[in-house]
Amino acid sequence: MTIRVLLVDDHPVVLDGLAAGLRQNGIGVAGSATSLGEARGMLARGDVDVVLVDIRLPDGSGTELLRLAKDPGAPAFIVMSSFASPEYLEVAMSLGAKGYLLKTAKTAEIVAAVRRVSAGMPAFTPAQLLEGHGANWTPLSDREARIVSRLLAGRSNDEIGADLGLSTKRVEAYLTRLFERYDVASRTELALRAQAEGWLDLPTAEGRT
């Protein structure tokens, strides 16, 4: 039986390339979605065995789709990302993804991963598994994420406080805690790491301020 794959990415060139590579290798493409909303609609109709999903989408993070991964009868999810970071890998694994591929992966790697997960096997490499289990990623809380987003926008501590209804000292306390947790020494270093590793695309911690 032909494997049916749903492709989720907001770049048409990426979608076209993936679809062509899969079809050339005898794998069916059930559809292509450029947003979470489109992907949810297609998944609701069924007839999908595997989902290849990007993390960065225009209406949210692809990790939101991964919350369906543990439902009975759900398709197997493979995350495709530009980020080779242990944080992304750990989140993907914890939410039930069956594989993790970089967007630089060759067609043969993608096809092999699709076939593995459709057969009920994981498509993580040994190196990825070691990296993911050793990451110990601590996600941002909702408030921390809001502070970091404004930090990335170049806002001062005073401006961040005004935006969020916090005193400047409270903002400084949050930043100090983030410096210690992620082993950085300055606002600039924190912002660079958050941007490089895509922290704001990852799910926030529930119940922590």
N, C-alpha and C. Protein backbone atom coordinates (compact mmCIF):
# COMPACT_ATOMS: atom_id res chain seq x y z
N MET A 1 0.84 -1.20 0.00
CA MET A 1 0.00 0.00 0.00
C MET A 1 0.88 1.25 0.00
N THR A 2 0.52 2.25 -0.79
CA THR A 2 1.30 3.48 -0.89
C THR A 2 1.22 4.28 0.40
N ILE A 3 2.36 4.76 0.87
CA ILE A 3 2.40 5.62 2.05
C ILE A 3 1.88 7.00 1.65
N ARG A 4 0.99 7.57 2.47
CA ARG A 4 0.40 8.88 2.17
C ARG A 4 0.98 9.91 3.13
N VAL A 5 1.63 10.93 2.58
CA VAL A 5 2.34 11.93 3.38
C VAL A 5 1.68 13.30 3.24
N LEU A 6 1.50 13.98 4.37
CA LEU A 6 1.05 15.38 4.38
C LEU A 6 2.28 16.25 4.62
N LEU A 7 2.49 17.23 3.76
CA LEU A 7 3.62 18.15 3.87
C LEU A 7 3.15 19.47 4.45
N VAL A 8 3.84 19.95 5.48
CA VAL A 8 3.45 21.21 6.14
C VAL A 8 4.65 22.13 6.20
N ASP A 9 4.64 23.17 5.38
CA ASP A 9 5.74 24.15 5.31
C ASP A 9 5.21 25.39 4.63
N ASP A 10 5.68 26.55 5.04
CA ASP A 10 5.14 27.78 4.46
C ASP A 10 5.94 28.27 3.25
N HIS A 11 6.87 27.46 2.76
CA HIS A 11 7.65 27.85 1.58
C HIS A 11 7.24 26.96 0.39
N PRO A 12 6.59 27.51 -0.61
CA PRO A 12 6.14 26.71 -1.76
C PRO A 12 7.26 25.95 -2.45
N VAL A 13 8.45 26.54 -2.53
CA VAL A 13 9.57 25.86 -3.19
C VAL A 13 9.94 24.60 -2.43
N VAL A 14 9.93 24.68 -1.08
CA VAL A 14 10.24 23.52 -0.25
C VAL A 14 9.18 22.44 -0.46
N LEU A 15 7.91 22.86 -0.47
CA LEU A 15 6.82 21.89 -0.66
C LEU A 15 6.93 21.18 -2.01
N ASP A 16 7.22 21.96 -3.05
CA ASP A 16 7.32 21.37 -4.39
C ASP A 16 8.48 20.39 -4.45
N GLY A 17 9.60 20.75 -3.84
CA GLY A 17 10.77 19.88 -3.86
C GLY A 17 10.53 18.59 -3.10
N LEU A 18 9.91 18.70 -1.93
CA LEU A 18 9.60 17.51 -1.14
C LEU A 18 8.63 16.60 -1.88
N ALA A 19 7.58 17.19 -2.43
CA ALA A 19 6.56 16.40 -3.12
C ALA A 19 7.18 15.65 -4.30
N ALA A 20 8.01 16.34 -5.07
CA ALA A 20 8.63 15.70 -6.24
C ALA A 20 9.54 14.55 -5.81
N GLY A 21 10.35 14.79 -4.78
CA GLY A 21 11.27 13.76 -4.32
C GLY A 21 10.55 12.53 -3.79
N LEU A 22 9.46 12.74 -3.06
CA LEU A 22 8.71 11.60 -2.52
C LEU A 22 8.03 10.81 -3.64
N ARG A 23 7.39 11.51 -4.56
CA ARG A 23 6.68 10.83 -5.64
C ARG A 23 7.64 10.02 -6.52
N GLN A 24 8.83 10.57 -6.73
CA GLN A 24 9.80 9.85 -7.55
C GLN A 24 10.24 8.54 -6.90
N ASN A 25 10.01 8.43 -5.59
CA ASN A 25 10.41 7.24 -4.86
C ASN A 25 9.21 6.39 -4.44
N GLY A 26 8.09 6.58 -5.12
CA GLY A 26 6.94 5.74 -4.89
C GLY A 26 6.13 6.05 -3.65
N ILE A 27 6.31 7.24 -3.09
CA ILE A 27 5.56 7.64 -1.89
C ILE A 27 4.50 8.67 -2.29
N GLY A 28 3.28 8.47 -1.83
CA GLY A 28 2.19 9.36 -2.19
C GLY A 28 2.18 10.64 -1.36
N VAL A 29 1.71 11.72 -1.95
CA VAL A 29 1.57 12.99 -1.24
C VAL A 29 0.08 13.26 -1.07
N ALA A 30 -0.40 13.16 0.16
CA ALA A 30 -1.83 13.34 0.44
C ALA A 30 -2.25 14.80 0.33
N GLY A 31 -1.30 15.71 0.47
CA GLY A 31 -1.60 17.12 0.38
C GLY A 31 -0.47 17.96 0.91
N SER A 32 -0.58 19.28 0.69
CA SER A 32 0.41 20.23 1.18
C SER A 32 -0.31 21.34 1.91
N ALA A 33 0.24 21.76 3.05
CA ALA A 33 -0.35 22.85 3.83
C ALA A 33 0.72 23.88 4.14
N THR A 34 0.33 25.14 4.13
CA THR A 34 1.29 26.21 4.41
C THR A 34 1.06 26.85 5.77
N SER A 35 0.13 26.31 6.56
CA SER A 35 -0.17 26.88 7.87
C SER A 35 -0.73 25.79 8.78
N LEU A 36 -0.79 26.11 10.07
CA LEU A 36 -1.39 25.17 11.02
C LEU A 36 -2.85 24.93 10.70
N GLY A 37 -3.55 26.00 10.37
CA GLY A 37 -4.98 25.88 10.08
C GLY A 37 -5.25 24.94 8.92
N GLU A 38 -4.49 25.10 7.84
CA GLU A 38 -4.66 24.22 6.69
C GLU A 38 -4.33 22.77 7.05
N ALA A 39 -3.24 22.60 7.81
CA ALA A 39 -2.82 21.26 8.19
C ALA A 39 -3.87 20.56 9.05
N ARG A 40 -4.45 21.29 10.00
CA ARG A 40 -5.48 20.70 10.86
C ARG A 40 -6.69 20.25 10.03
N GLY A 41 -7.07 21.08 9.05
CA GLY A 41 -8.20 20.72 8.20
C GLY A 41 -7.93 19.45 7.41
N MET A 42 -6.74 19.32 6.89
CA MET A 42 -6.39 18.13 6.11
C MET A 42 -6.29 16.90 7.00
N LEU A 43 -5.75 17.07 8.19
CA LEU A 43 -5.65 15.93 9.11
C LEU A 43 -7.03 15.46 9.57
N ALA A 44 -7.95 16.40 9.69
CA ALA A 44 -9.30 16.03 10.12
C ALA A 44 -9.99 15.13 9.10
N ARG A 45 -9.57 15.22 7.84
CA ARG A 45 -10.18 14.39 6.80
C ARG A 45 -9.58 12.99 6.76
N GLY A 46 -8.49 12.78 7.49
CA GLY A 46 -7.86 11.46 7.53
C GLY A 46 -7.05 11.15 6.29
N ASP A 47 -6.82 9.85 6.04
CA ASP A 47 -6.07 9.40 4.86
C ASP A 47 -4.64 9.92 4.84
N VAL A 48 -4.02 10.07 6.02
CA VAL A 48 -2.62 10.49 6.10
C VAL A 48 -1.88 9.51 6.99
N ASP A 49 -0.74 9.01 6.51
CA ASP A 49 0.07 8.07 7.28
C ASP A 49 1.22 8.75 8.00
N VAL A 50 1.81 9.75 7.33
CA VAL A 50 2.99 10.44 7.86
C VAL A 50 2.83 11.94 7.62
N VAL A 51 3.26 12.74 8.59
CA VAL A 51 3.25 14.20 8.44
C VAL A 51 4.69 14.70 8.54
N LEU A 52 5.13 15.41 7.51
CA LEU A 52 6.41 16.11 7.54
C LEU A 52 6.10 17.57 7.86
N VAL A 53 6.51 18.05 9.04
CA VAL A 53 6.08 19.38 9.48
C VAL A 53 7.26 20.26 9.87
N ASP A 54 7.22 21.48 9.35
CA ASP A 54 8.20 22.49 9.73
C ASP A 54 7.79 23.07 11.09
N ILE A 55 8.74 23.61 11.83
CA ILE A 55 8.40 24.20 13.13
C ILE A 55 7.90 25.62 12.96
N ARG A 56 8.53 26.40 12.09
CA ARG A 56 8.13 27.80 11.94
C ARG A 56 7.06 27.94 10.86
N LEU A 57 5.84 28.28 11.30
CA LEU A 57 4.72 28.47 10.39
C LEU A 57 4.11 29.84 10.65
N PRO A 58 3.41 30.42 9.68
CA PRO A 58 2.93 31.80 9.84
C PRO A 58 1.91 32.00 10.96
N ASP A 59 1.16 30.96 11.31
CA ASP A 59 0.14 31.11 12.35
C ASP A 59 0.48 30.36 13.63
N GLY A 60 1.75 30.05 13.83
CA GLY A 60 2.16 29.40 15.08
C GLY A 60 3.29 28.42 14.86
N SER A 61 3.55 27.64 15.88
CA SER A 61 4.64 26.66 15.82
C SER A 61 4.11 25.30 15.39
N GLY A 62 4.88 24.63 14.53
CA GLY A 62 4.51 23.30 14.10
C GLY A 62 4.43 22.31 15.25
N THR A 63 5.05 22.65 16.39
CA THR A 63 4.97 21.77 17.55
C THR A 63 3.53 21.61 18.04
N GLU A 64 2.67 22.57 17.68
CA GLU A 64 1.27 22.45 18.09
C GLU A 64 0.60 21.25 17.43
N LEU A 65 1.02 20.93 16.21
CA LEU A 65 0.47 19.75 15.54
C LEU A 65 0.94 18.47 16.22
N LEU A 66 2.13 18.52 16.81
CA LEU A 66 2.67 17.32 17.45
C LEU A 66 1.81 16.88 18.63
N ARG A 67 0.98 17.77 19.13
CA ARG A 67 0.11 17.38 20.25
C ARG A 67 -0.92 16.33 19.82
N LEU A 68 -1.08 16.17 18.51
CA LEU A 68 -1.99 15.13 17.99
C LEU A 68 -1.29 13.78 17.86
N ALA A 69 0.04 13.79 18.01
CA ALA A 69 0.83 12.59 17.69
C ALA A 69 0.48 11.39 18.56
N LYS A 70 0.04 11.64 19.79
CA LYS A 70 -0.23 10.54 20.71
C LYS A 70 -1.69 10.10 20.71
N ASP A 71 -2.51 10.72 19.85
CA ASP A 71 -3.91 10.31 19.75
C ASP A 71 -4.01 8.94 19.07
N PRO A 72 -5.00 8.13 19.44
CA PRO A 72 -5.19 6.83 18.78
C PRO A 72 -5.38 6.99 17.28
N GLY A 73 -4.65 6.23 16.51
CA GLY A 73 -4.79 6.29 15.06
C GLY A 73 -4.14 7.48 14.40
N ALA A 74 -3.37 8.27 15.16
CA ALA A 74 -2.73 9.46 14.59
C ALA A 74 -1.62 9.06 13.62
N PRO A 75 -1.36 9.90 12.61
CA PRO A 75 -0.23 9.61 11.72
C PRO A 75 1.10 9.78 12.47
N ALA A 76 2.16 9.29 11.88
CA ALA A 76 3.50 9.49 12.44
C ALA A 76 4.01 10.85 12.01
N PHE A 77 4.60 11.59 12.93
CA PHE A 77 5.09 12.94 12.65
C PHE A 77 6.61 12.96 12.56
N ILE A 78 7.11 13.60 11.53
CA ILE A 78 8.54 13.88 11.40
C ILE A 78 8.71 15.39 11.35
N VAL A 79 9.51 15.93 12.24
CA VAL A 79 9.79 17.36 12.25
C VAL A 79 10.91 17.66 11.27
N MET A 80 10.72 18.69 10.45
CA MET A 80 11.78 19.17 9.57
C MET A 80 12.09 20.61 9.96
N SER A 81 13.36 20.89 10.23
CA SER A 81 13.71 22.21 10.75
C SER A 81 15.07 22.65 10.23
N SER A 82 15.29 23.95 10.28
CA SER A 82 16.61 24.50 9.96
C SER A 82 17.53 24.45 11.17
N PHE A 83 16.96 24.11 12.34
CA PHE A 83 17.72 24.15 13.58
C PHE A 83 18.22 22.77 13.99
N ALA A 84 19.53 22.65 14.15
CA ALA A 84 20.12 21.39 14.64
C ALA A 84 20.40 21.54 16.13
N SER A 85 19.40 22.00 16.87
CA SER A 85 19.61 22.27 18.30
C SER A 85 18.99 21.18 19.16
N PRO A 86 19.65 20.84 20.28
CA PRO A 86 19.09 19.82 21.17
C PRO A 86 17.76 20.23 21.76
N GLU A 87 17.51 21.55 21.90
CA GLU A 87 16.24 22.01 22.44
C GLU A 87 15.08 21.59 21.54
N TYR A 88 15.22 21.83 20.24
CA TYR A 88 14.17 21.46 19.30
C TYR A 88 13.97 19.95 19.29
N LEU A 89 15.09 19.22 19.27
CA LEU A 89 15.00 17.77 19.23
C LEU A 89 14.31 17.23 20.47
N GLU A 90 14.67 17.75 21.63
CA GLU A 90 14.09 17.25 22.87
C GLU A 90 12.59 17.51 22.93
N VAL A 91 12.19 18.71 22.49
CA VAL A 91 10.76 19.03 22.48
C VAL A 91 10.01 18.12 21.50
N ALA A 92 10.58 17.94 20.31
CA ALA A 92 9.94 17.08 19.31
C ALA A 92 9.75 15.66 19.85
N MET A 93 10.77 15.12 20.48
CA MET A 93 10.69 13.77 21.01
C MET A 93 9.67 13.68 22.13
N SER A 94 9.67 14.69 23.02
CA SER A 94 8.77 14.65 24.17
C SER A 94 7.30 14.74 23.75
N LEU A 95 7.03 15.40 22.62
CA LEU A 95 5.66 15.57 22.14
C LEU A 95 5.19 14.41 21.25
N GLY A 96 6.10 13.48 20.98
CA GLY A 96 5.68 12.30 20.25
C GLY A 96 6.11 12.20 18.80
N ALA A 97 7.00 13.10 18.35
CA ALA A 97 7.51 12.97 16.98
C ALA A 97 8.28 11.67 16.84
N LYS A 98 8.19 11.07 15.67
CA LYS A 98 8.89 9.81 15.40
C LYS A 98 10.21 10.02 14.67
N GLY A 99 10.46 11.26 14.22
CA GLY A 99 11.71 11.54 13.53
C GLY A 99 12.00 13.02 13.51
N TYR A 100 13.26 13.37 13.21
CA TYR A 100 13.68 14.77 13.16
C TYR A 100 14.70 14.89 12.04
N LEU A 101 14.40 15.73 11.06
CA LEU A 101 15.29 15.92 9.92
C LEU A 101 15.62 17.39 9.75
N LEU A 102 16.84 17.67 9.34
CA LEU A 102 17.19 19.03 8.96
C LEU A 102 16.72 19.29 7.54
N LYS A 103 16.47 20.55 7.22
CA LYS A 103 16.00 20.88 5.88
C LYS A 103 17.09 20.66 4.83
N THR A 104 18.30 20.46 5.28
CA THR A 104 19.39 20.16 4.35
C THR A 104 19.46 18.66 4.03
N ALA A 105 18.57 17.86 4.61
CA ALA A 105 18.60 16.42 4.38
C ALA A 105 18.39 16.10 2.90
N LYS A 106 19.08 15.08 2.42
CA LYS A 106 18.93 14.64 1.04
C LYS A 106 17.64 13.85 0.89
N THR A 107 17.17 13.77 -0.35
CA THR A 107 15.91 13.07 -0.62
C THR A 107 15.96 11.64 -0.10
N ALA A 108 17.10 10.97 -0.26
CA ALA A 108 17.20 9.58 0.20
C ALA A 108 17.00 9.48 1.70
N GLU A 109 17.50 10.47 2.47
CA GLU A 109 17.31 10.46 3.92
C GLU A 109 15.85 10.66 4.28
N ILE A 110 15.20 11.57 3.57
CA ILE A 110 13.79 11.87 3.85
C ILE A 110 12.92 10.64 3.52
N VAL A 111 13.17 10.04 2.38
CA VAL A 111 12.41 8.85 1.98
C VAL A 111 12.61 7.73 2.99
N ALA A 112 13.85 7.51 3.41
CA ALA A 112 14.13 6.46 4.39
C ALA A 112 13.41 6.72 5.70
N ALA A 113 13.40 7.98 6.14
CA ALA A 113 12.73 8.33 7.40
C ALA A 113 11.23 8.10 7.29
N VAL A 114 10.64 8.50 6.16
CA VAL A 114 9.20 8.31 5.96
C VAL A 114 8.85 6.83 6.00
N ARG A 115 9.65 6.02 5.36
CA ARG A 115 9.37 4.58 5.34
C ARG A 115 9.53 3.96 6.73
N ARG A 116 10.51 4.42 7.48
CA ARG A 116 10.73 3.87 8.82
C ARG A 116 9.55 4.20 9.74
N VAL A 117 9.14 5.46 9.78
CA VAL A 117 8.07 5.83 10.71
C VAL A 117 6.73 5.24 10.29
N SER A 118 6.52 5.06 8.98
CA SER A 118 5.27 4.46 8.54
C SER A 118 5.20 2.99 8.93
N ALA A 119 6.37 2.40 9.18
CA ALA A 119 6.43 1.00 9.61
C ALA A 119 6.47 0.88 11.13
N GLY A 120 6.30 2.01 11.82
CA GLY A 120 6.26 1.99 13.28
C GLY A 120 7.60 2.10 13.96
N MET A 121 8.65 2.46 13.21
CA MET A 121 9.98 2.59 13.78
C MET A 121 10.39 4.06 13.86
N PRO A 122 11.20 4.43 14.84
CA PRO A 122 11.66 5.83 14.93
C PRO A 122 12.69 6.15 13.86
N ALA A 123 12.79 7.41 13.53
CA ALA A 123 13.77 7.87 12.53
C ALA A 123 14.68 8.92 13.14
N PHE A 124 15.23 8.60 14.31
CA PHE A 124 16.25 9.44 14.94
C PHE A 124 17.59 8.72 14.79
N THR A 125 18.66 9.48 14.53
CA THR A 125 19.98 8.87 14.47
C THR A 125 20.51 8.67 15.89
N PRO A 126 21.47 7.76 16.10
CA PRO A 126 22.06 7.60 17.44
C PRO A 126 22.62 8.91 17.98
N ALA A 127 23.24 9.71 17.11
CA ALA A 127 23.80 10.99 17.57
C ALA A 127 22.71 11.92 18.06
N GLN A 128 21.58 11.95 17.34
CA GLN A 128 20.46 12.79 17.77
C GLN A 128 19.91 12.34 19.12
N LEU A 129 19.78 11.05 19.30
CA LEU A 129 19.25 10.54 20.56
C LEU A 129 20.13 10.91 21.73
N LEU A 130 21.44 10.80 21.56
CA LEU A 130 22.36 11.17 22.63
C LEU A 130 22.27 12.66 22.91
N GLU A 131 22.20 13.46 21.83
CA GLU A 131 22.13 14.91 21.99
C GLU A 131 20.84 15.33 22.68
N GLY A 132 19.73 14.74 22.25
CA GLY A 132 18.44 15.11 22.82
C GLY A 132 18.32 14.75 24.28
N HIS A 133 18.75 13.54 24.65
CA HIS A 133 18.61 13.13 26.04
C HIS A 133 19.56 13.89 26.95
N GLY A 134 20.61 14.49 26.38
CA GLY A 134 21.56 15.21 27.22
C GLY A 134 21.30 16.69 27.31
N ALA A 135 20.26 17.16 26.62
CA ALA A 135 20.06 18.60 26.53
C ALA A 135 19.49 19.21 27.80
N ASN A 136 18.56 18.50 28.47
CA ASN A 136 17.92 19.02 29.68
C ASN A 136 17.37 20.42 29.46
N TRP A 137 16.69 20.62 28.35
CA TRP A 137 16.13 21.92 28.01
C TRP A 137 15.04 22.30 28.98
N THR A 138 15.14 23.51 29.52
CA THR A 138 14.11 24.05 30.39
C THR A 138 13.36 25.12 29.61
N PRO A 139 12.10 24.89 29.26
CA PRO A 139 11.38 25.86 28.43
C PRO A 139 11.09 27.15 29.17
N LEU A 140 10.89 28.20 28.40
CA LEU A 140 10.49 29.48 28.96
C LEU A 140 9.06 29.41 29.47
N SER A 141 8.79 30.17 30.51
CA SER A 141 7.40 30.34 30.92
C SER A 141 6.75 31.34 29.96
N ASP A 142 5.43 31.49 30.05
CA ASP A 142 4.74 32.45 29.18
C ASP A 142 5.29 33.86 29.36
N ARG A 143 5.49 34.25 30.61
CA ARG A 143 5.99 35.61 30.87
C ARG A 143 7.43 35.75 30.39
N GLU A 144 8.25 34.73 30.62
CA GLU A 144 9.64 34.79 30.14
C GLU A 144 9.67 34.91 28.63
N ALA A 145 8.78 34.19 27.95
CA ALA A 145 8.73 34.26 26.49
C ALA A 145 8.35 35.67 26.04
N ARG A 146 7.42 36.31 26.76
CA ARG A 146 7.03 37.67 26.39
C ARG A 146 8.19 38.65 26.60
N ILE A 147 8.95 38.43 27.66
CA ILE A 147 10.12 39.28 27.92
C ILE A 147 11.17 39.08 26.83
N VAL A 148 11.44 37.83 26.49
CA VAL A 148 12.44 37.54 25.46
C VAL A 148 12.01 38.10 24.10
N SER A 149 10.72 38.01 23.78
CA SER A 149 10.26 38.53 22.49
C SER A 149 10.50 40.03 22.39
N ARG A 150 10.31 40.73 23.49
CA ARG A 150 10.54 42.18 23.49
C ARG A 150 12.03 42.50 23.51
N LEU A 151 12.79 41.64 24.14
CA LEU A 151 14.24 41.79 24.12
C LEU A 151 14.74 41.68 22.67
N LEU A 152 14.21 40.71 21.93
CA LEU A 152 14.60 40.53 20.54
C LEU A 152 14.16 41.72 19.67
N ALA A 153 13.13 42.42 20.12
CA ALA A 153 12.65 43.60 19.38
C ALA A 153 13.47 44.84 19.73
N GLY A 154 14.46 44.69 20.62
CA GLY A 154 15.34 45.80 20.96
C GLY A 154 14.82 46.74 22.02
N ARG A 155 13.84 46.30 22.81
CA ARG A 155 13.26 47.17 23.82
C ARG A 155 14.09 47.15 25.10
N SER A 156 14.12 48.28 25.77
CA SER A 156 14.88 48.41 27.02
C SER A 156 14.12 47.75 28.17
N ASN A 157 14.78 47.59 29.31
CA ASN A 157 14.11 47.00 30.48
C ASN A 157 12.92 47.85 30.90
N ASP A 158 13.07 49.17 30.85
CA ASP A 158 11.96 50.06 31.21
C ASP A 158 10.77 49.85 30.26
N GLU A 159 11.06 49.74 28.97
CA GLU A 159 9.99 49.56 27.98
C GLU A 159 9.33 48.19 28.12
N ILE A 160 10.13 47.17 28.41
CA ILE A 160 9.56 45.83 28.62
C ILE A 160 8.63 45.85 29.81
N GLY A 161 9.07 46.51 30.90
CA GLY A 161 8.24 46.60 32.09
C GLY A 161 6.93 47.31 31.81
N ALA A 162 7.00 48.40 31.06
CA ALA A 162 5.78 49.15 30.73
C ALA A 162 4.83 48.31 29.88
N ASP A 163 5.38 47.55 28.94
CA ASP A 163 4.56 46.70 28.08
C ASP A 163 3.82 45.63 28.86
N LEU A 164 4.51 45.06 29.87
CA LEU A 164 3.99 43.89 30.57
C LEU A 164 3.42 44.20 31.95
N GLY A 165 3.43 45.46 32.32
CA GLY A 165 2.90 45.82 33.64
C GLY A 165 3.79 45.36 34.77
N LEU A 166 5.09 45.40 34.56
CA LEU A 166 6.06 44.99 35.57
C LEU A 166 6.98 46.15 35.91
N SER A 167 7.52 46.14 37.10
CA SER A 167 8.52 47.15 37.45
C SER A 167 9.82 46.81 36.73
N THR A 168 10.67 47.83 36.58
CA THR A 168 11.97 47.59 35.93
C THR A 168 12.78 46.59 36.73
N LYS A 169 12.71 46.66 38.05
CA LYS A 169 13.45 45.71 38.89
C LYS A 169 12.96 44.29 38.69
N ARG A 170 11.65 44.14 38.48
CA ARG A 170 11.10 42.80 38.25
C ARG A 170 11.60 42.25 36.93
N VAL A 171 11.65 43.10 35.91
CA VAL A 171 12.18 42.67 34.62
C VAL A 171 13.64 42.25 34.77
N GLU A 172 14.41 43.05 35.51
CA GLU A 172 15.82 42.73 35.73
C GLU A 172 15.97 41.39 36.45
N ALA A 173 15.07 41.11 37.38
CA ALA A 173 15.12 39.84 38.11
C ALA A 173 14.86 38.67 37.17
N TYR A 174 13.88 38.84 36.27
CA TYR A 174 13.61 37.79 35.29
C TYR A 174 14.83 37.55 34.40
N LEU A 175 15.43 38.64 33.94
CA LEU A 175 16.59 38.51 33.05
C LEU A 175 17.76 37.85 33.77
N THR A 176 17.97 38.21 35.02
CA THR A 176 19.05 37.58 35.79
C THR A 176 18.84 36.08 35.90
N ARG A 177 17.59 35.69 36.15
CA ARG A 177 17.28 34.26 36.24
C ARG A 177 17.53 33.56 34.91
N LEU A 178 17.19 34.23 33.80
CA LEU A 178 17.44 33.65 32.49
C LEU A 178 18.93 33.54 32.19
N PHE A 179 19.69 34.58 32.61
CA PHE A 179 21.15 34.53 32.42
C PHE A 179 21.72 33.29 33.11
N GLU A 180 21.30 33.06 34.34
CA GLU A 180 21.83 31.95 35.12
C GLU A 180 21.40 30.60 34.53
N ARG A 181 20.13 30.50 34.14
CA ARG A 181 19.62 29.22 33.65
C ARG A 181 20.27 28.81 32.34
N TYR A 182 20.49 29.79 31.46
CA TYR A 182 21.01 29.45 30.13
C TYR A 182 22.49 29.81 29.96
N ASP A 183 23.13 30.16 31.07
CA ASP A 183 24.58 30.37 31.10
C ASP A 183 25.03 31.43 30.09
N VAL A 184 24.39 32.60 30.17
CA VAL A 184 24.81 33.73 29.35
C VAL A 184 25.12 34.90 30.28
N ALA A 185 25.82 35.91 29.75
CA ALA A 185 26.31 36.97 30.62
C ALA A 185 25.67 38.34 30.37
N SER A 186 24.84 38.46 29.33
CA SER A 186 24.30 39.78 29.01
C SER A 186 22.99 39.66 28.24
N ARG A 187 22.29 40.79 28.13
CA ARG A 187 21.06 40.83 27.35
C ARG A 187 21.34 40.46 25.89
N THR A 188 22.45 41.00 25.37
CA THR A 188 22.80 40.72 23.97
C THR A 188 23.06 39.24 23.75
N GLU A 189 23.79 38.62 24.65
CA GLU A 189 24.10 37.20 24.52
C GLU A 189 22.82 36.35 24.62
N LEU A 190 21.93 36.75 25.52
CA LEU A 190 20.66 36.04 25.67
C LEU A 190 19.83 36.16 24.39
N ALA A 191 19.77 37.37 23.84
CA ALA A 191 18.99 37.59 22.63
C ALA A 191 19.56 36.80 21.45
N LEU A 192 20.88 36.79 21.32
CA LEU A 192 21.51 36.06 20.22
C LEU A 192 21.24 34.56 20.32
N ARG A 193 21.31 34.03 21.54
CA ARG A 193 21.07 32.60 21.70
C ARG A 193 19.60 32.28 21.44
N ALA A 194 18.70 33.11 21.96
CA ALA A 194 17.27 32.88 21.76
C ALA A 194 16.92 32.91 20.28
N GLN A 195 17.52 33.84 19.53
CA GLN A 195 17.26 33.95 18.10
C GLN A 195 17.85 32.76 17.35
N ALA A 196 19.09 32.41 17.67
CA ALA A 196 19.79 31.33 16.96
C ALA A 196 19.12 29.98 17.18
N GLU A 197 18.58 29.77 18.39
CA GLU A 197 17.99 28.47 18.73
C GLU A 197 16.47 28.45 18.62
N GLY A 198 15.89 29.58 18.22
CA GLY A 198 14.44 29.60 17.98
C GLY A 198 13.60 29.34 19.22
N TRP A 199 13.99 29.90 20.36
CA TRP A 199 13.27 29.61 21.61
C TRP A 199 11.79 29.93 21.53
N LEU A 200 11.43 31.01 20.83
CA LEU A 200 10.04 31.45 20.81
C LEU A 200 9.15 30.55 19.96
N ASP A 201 9.76 29.62 19.23
CA ASP A 201 8.98 28.65 18.46
C ASP A 201 8.67 27.40 19.27
N LEU A 202 9.27 27.29 20.45
CA LEU A 202 9.09 26.11 21.28
C LEU A 202 7.94 26.32 22.26
N PRO A 203 7.26 25.26 22.69
CA PRO A 203 6.18 25.40 23.66
C PRO A 203 6.69 25.98 24.98
N THR A 204 5.88 26.81 25.61
CA THR A 204 6.25 27.35 26.93
C THR A 204 5.87 26.38 28.03
N ALA A 205 6.49 26.58 29.19
CA ALA A 205 6.19 25.70 30.33
C ALA A 205 4.81 26.03 30.88
N GLU A 206 4.08 25.01 31.25
CA GLU A 206 2.75 25.20 31.82
C GLU A 206 2.84 25.35 33.34
N GLY A 207 2.14 26.33 33.87
CA GLY A 207 2.06 26.48 35.31
C GLY A 207 3.26 27.14 35.95
N ARG A 208 4.19 27.70 35.13
CA ARG A 208 5.35 28.36 35.72
C ARG A 208 5.38 29.79 35.23
N THR A 209 5.63 30.75 36.15
CA THR A 209 5.65 32.15 35.78
C THR A 209 7.07 32.64 35.61
